[in-house]
Amino acid sequence: MISEGIAPDSVVYTTLIDGFCKFGNVSAAYRLFDKMQKRKISPDLITYTAVICGLCRSGKVMEADKLFHDMVCKQLEPDEVTYTALIDGYCKEGKGR
């Protein structure tokens, strides 16, 4: 895409990030997340939630929690999908009591 002179936007990055997370490749998703910000494309709620879901599914709940707090600090309001991912992650980790 880039080699053709077409710059990816937030939707393209979010779709790729979500796909990597669903296939369990959270490190690739994180690299894209960082790359999108370096290209001055701000992640939105959906982007953050995709990464948070991926981190929770892979057992990295503390990283997900940190990212959640970063998201809130950027004035993005979590929705039920974001909260559900975190709750599920904490429950699977045994901290849901």
C-alpha atoms as a PDB file:
ATOM      1  CA  MET A   1       0.000   0.000   0.000  1.00  0.00           C
ATOM      2  CA  ILE A   2       2.675   2.457   1.038  1.00  0.00           C
ATOM      3  CA  SER A   3       4.869   1.424  -1.884  1.00  0.00           C
ATOM      4  CA  GLU A   4       1.970   2.410  -4.172  1.00  0.00           C
ATOM      5  CA  GLY A   5       1.843   5.867  -2.597  1.00  0.00           C
ATOM      6  CA  ILE A   6      -1.301   5.174  -0.591  1.00  0.00           C
ATOM      7  CA  ALA A   7      -0.996   6.010   3.079  1.00  0.00           C
ATOM      8  CA  PRO A   8      -2.937   3.771   5.474  1.00  0.00           C
ATOM      9  CA  ASP A   9      -5.415   5.522   7.743  1.00  0.00           C
ATOM     10  CA  SER A  10      -6.739   4.713  11.199  1.00  0.00           C
ATOM     11  CA  VAL A  11      -9.271   2.204   9.841  1.00  0.00           C
ATOM     12  CA  VAL A  12      -6.592   0.251   7.957  1.00  0.00           C
ATOM     13  CA  TYR A  13      -4.264   0.167  10.958  1.00  0.00           C
ATOM     14  CA  THR A  14      -7.074  -0.840  13.327  1.00  0.00           C
ATOM     15  CA  THR A  15      -8.208  -3.642  11.022  1.00  0.00           C
ATOM     16  CA  LEU A  16      -4.676  -5.026  10.781  1.00  0.00           C
ATOM     17  CA  ILE A  17      -4.076  -4.659  14.528  1.00  0.00           C
ATOM     18  CA  ASP A  18      -7.341  -6.454  15.302  1.00  0.00           C
ATOM     19  CA  GLY A  19      -6.453  -9.256  12.880  1.00  0.00           C
ATOM     20  CA  PHE A  20      -3.017  -9.771  14.413  1.00  0.00           C
ATOM     21  CA  CYS A  21      -4.558  -9.835  17.894  1.00  0.00           C
ATOM     22  CA  LYS A  22      -7.201 -12.378  16.892  1.00  0.00           C
ATOM     23  CA  PHE A  23      -4.491 -14.652  15.508  1.00  0.00           C
ATOM     24  CA  GLY A  24      -2.496 -14.311  18.728  1.00  0.00           C
ATOM     25  CA  ASN A  25       0.312 -12.192  17.288  1.00  0.00           C
ATOM     26  CA  VAL A  26       0.130  -9.382  19.828  1.00  0.00           C
ATOM     27  CA  SER A  27       3.741  -8.335  19.278  1.00  0.00           C
ATOM     28  CA  ALA A  28       3.008  -7.589  15.597  1.00  0.00           C
ATOM     29  CA  ALA A  29      -0.138  -5.725  16.644  1.00  0.00           C
ATOM     30  CA  TYR A  30       1.862  -3.641  19.100  1.00  0.00           C
ATOM     31  CA  ARG A  31       4.459  -2.827  16.431  1.00  0.00           C
ATOM     32  CA  LEU A  32       1.689  -1.559  14.145  1.00  0.00           C
ATOM     33  CA  PHE A  33       0.147   0.366  17.045  1.00  0.00           C
ATOM     34  CA  ASP A  34       3.483   2.118  17.608  1.00  0.00           C
ATOM     35  CA  LYS A  35       4.045   2.652  13.889  1.00  0.00           C
ATOM     36  CA  MET A  36       0.650   4.282  13.438  1.00  0.00           C
ATOM     37  CA  GLN A  37       1.422   6.770  16.206  1.00  0.00           C
ATOM     38  CA  LYS A  38       4.844   7.528  14.720  1.00  0.00           C
ATOM     39  CA  ARG A  39       3.021   8.364  11.488  1.00  0.00           C
ATOM     40  CA  LYS A  40       0.925  10.857  13.489  1.00  0.00           C
ATOM     41  CA  ILE A  41      -2.247   8.758  13.246  1.00  0.00           C
ATOM     42  CA  SER A  42      -4.005   8.776  16.595  1.00  0.00           C
ATOM     43  CA  PRO A  43      -5.448   5.474  17.764  1.00  0.00           C
ATOM     44  CA  ASP A  44      -9.122   5.680  18.644  1.00  0.00           C
ATOM     45  CA  LEU A  45     -11.220   3.725  21.132  1.00  0.00           C
ATOM     46  CA  ILE A  46     -11.601   0.810  18.719  1.00  0.00           C
ATOM     47  CA  THR A  47      -7.852   0.585  18.148  1.00  0.00           C
ATOM     48  CA  TYR A  48      -7.070   0.648  21.863  1.00  0.00           C
ATOM     49  CA  THR A  49      -9.775  -1.914  22.574  1.00  0.00           C
ATOM     50  CA  ALA A  50      -8.418  -4.271  19.908  1.00  0.00           C
ATOM     51  CA  VAL A  51      -4.960  -4.207  21.515  1.00  0.00           C
ATOM     52  CA  ILE A  52      -6.404  -4.514  25.032  1.00  0.00           C
ATOM     53  CA  CYS A  53      -8.440  -7.554  23.942  1.00  0.00           C
ATOM     54  CA  GLY A  54      -5.372  -9.129  22.347  1.00  0.00           C
ATOM     55  CA  LEU A  55      -3.235  -8.546  25.420  1.00  0.00           C
ATOM     56  CA  CYS A  56      -5.890 -10.006  27.731  1.00  0.00           C
ATOM     57  CA  ARG A  57      -6.354 -13.076  25.516  1.00  0.00           C
ATOM     58  CA  SER A  58      -2.618 -13.703  25.599  1.00  0.00           C
ATOM     59  CA  GLY A  59      -2.452 -13.395  29.394  1.00  0.00           C
ATOM     60  CA  LYS A  60      -0.782  -9.974  29.470  1.00  0.00           C
ATOM     61  CA  VAL A  61      -3.388  -8.354  31.675  1.00  0.00           C
ATOM     62  CA  MET A  62      -1.006  -5.932  33.380  1.00  0.00           C
ATOM     63  CA  GLU A  63       0.073  -4.570  29.979  1.00  0.00           C
ATOM     64  CA  ALA A  64      -3.591  -4.316  29.005  1.00  0.00           C
ATOM     65  CA  ASP A  65      -4.330  -2.418  32.215  1.00  0.00           C
ATOM     66  CA  LYS A  66      -1.485   0.006  31.529  1.00  0.00           C
ATOM     67  CA  LEU A  67      -2.729   0.577  27.991  1.00  0.00           C
ATOM     68  CA  PHE A  68      -6.244   1.101  29.365  1.00  0.00           C
ATOM     69  CA  HIS A  69      -4.963   3.860  31.656  1.00  0.00           C
ATOM     70  CA  ASP A  70      -3.020   5.431  28.774  1.00  0.00           C
ATOM     71  CA  MET A  71      -6.232   5.424  26.743  1.00  0.00           C
ATOM     72  CA  VAL A  72      -8.211   7.111  29.518  1.00  0.00           C
ATOM     73  CA  CYS A  73      -5.458   9.720  29.969  1.00  0.00           C
ATOM     74  CA  LYS A  74      -5.893  10.574  26.278  1.00  0.00           C
ATOM     75  CA  GLN A  75      -9.537  11.401  26.985  1.00  0.00           C
ATOM     76  CA  LEU A  76     -10.891   8.275  25.266  1.00  0.00           C
ATOM     77  CA  GLU A  77     -13.873   6.855  27.108  1.00  0.00           C
ATOM     78  CA  PRO A  78     -13.925   3.056  27.416  1.00  0.00           C
ATOM     79  CA  ASP A  79     -17.054   1.224  26.341  1.00  0.00           C
ATOM     80  CA  GLU A  80     -18.578  -2.095  27.373  1.00  0.00           C
ATOM     81  CA  VAL A  81     -16.303  -4.009  24.973  1.00  0.00           C
ATOM     82  CA  THR A  82     -13.201  -2.520  26.587  1.00  0.00           C
ATOM     83  CA  TYR A  83     -14.430  -3.241  30.104  1.00  0.00           C
ATOM     84  CA  THR A  84     -15.525  -6.754  29.170  1.00  0.00           C
ATOM     85  CA  ALA A  85     -12.078  -7.557  27.773  1.00  0.00           C
ATOM     86  CA  LEU A  86     -10.377  -6.365  30.961  1.00  0.00           C
ATOM     87  CA  ILE A  87     -12.829  -8.147  33.250  1.00  0.00           C
ATOM     88  CA  ASP A  88     -12.394 -11.356  31.269  1.00  0.00           C
ATOM     89  CA  GLY A  89      -8.613 -10.998  31.437  1.00  0.00           C
ATOM     90  CA  TYR A  90      -8.642 -10.464  35.191  1.00  0.00           C
ATOM     91  CA  CYS A  91     -11.008 -13.388  35.735  1.00  0.00           C
ATOM     92  CA  LYS A  92      -8.821 -15.732  33.709  1.00  0.00           C
ATOM     93  CA  GLU A  93      -5.832 -14.532  35.702  1.00  0.00           C
ATOM     94  CA  GLY A  94      -7.677 -15.266  38.949  1.00  0.00           C
ATOM     95  CA  LYS A  95      -8.013 -11.652  40.060  1.00  0.00           C
ATOM     96  CA  GLY A  96     -11.733 -11.362  39.468  1.00  0.00           C
ATOM     97  CA  ARG A  97     -12.662 -12.076  43.071  1.00  0.00           C
END
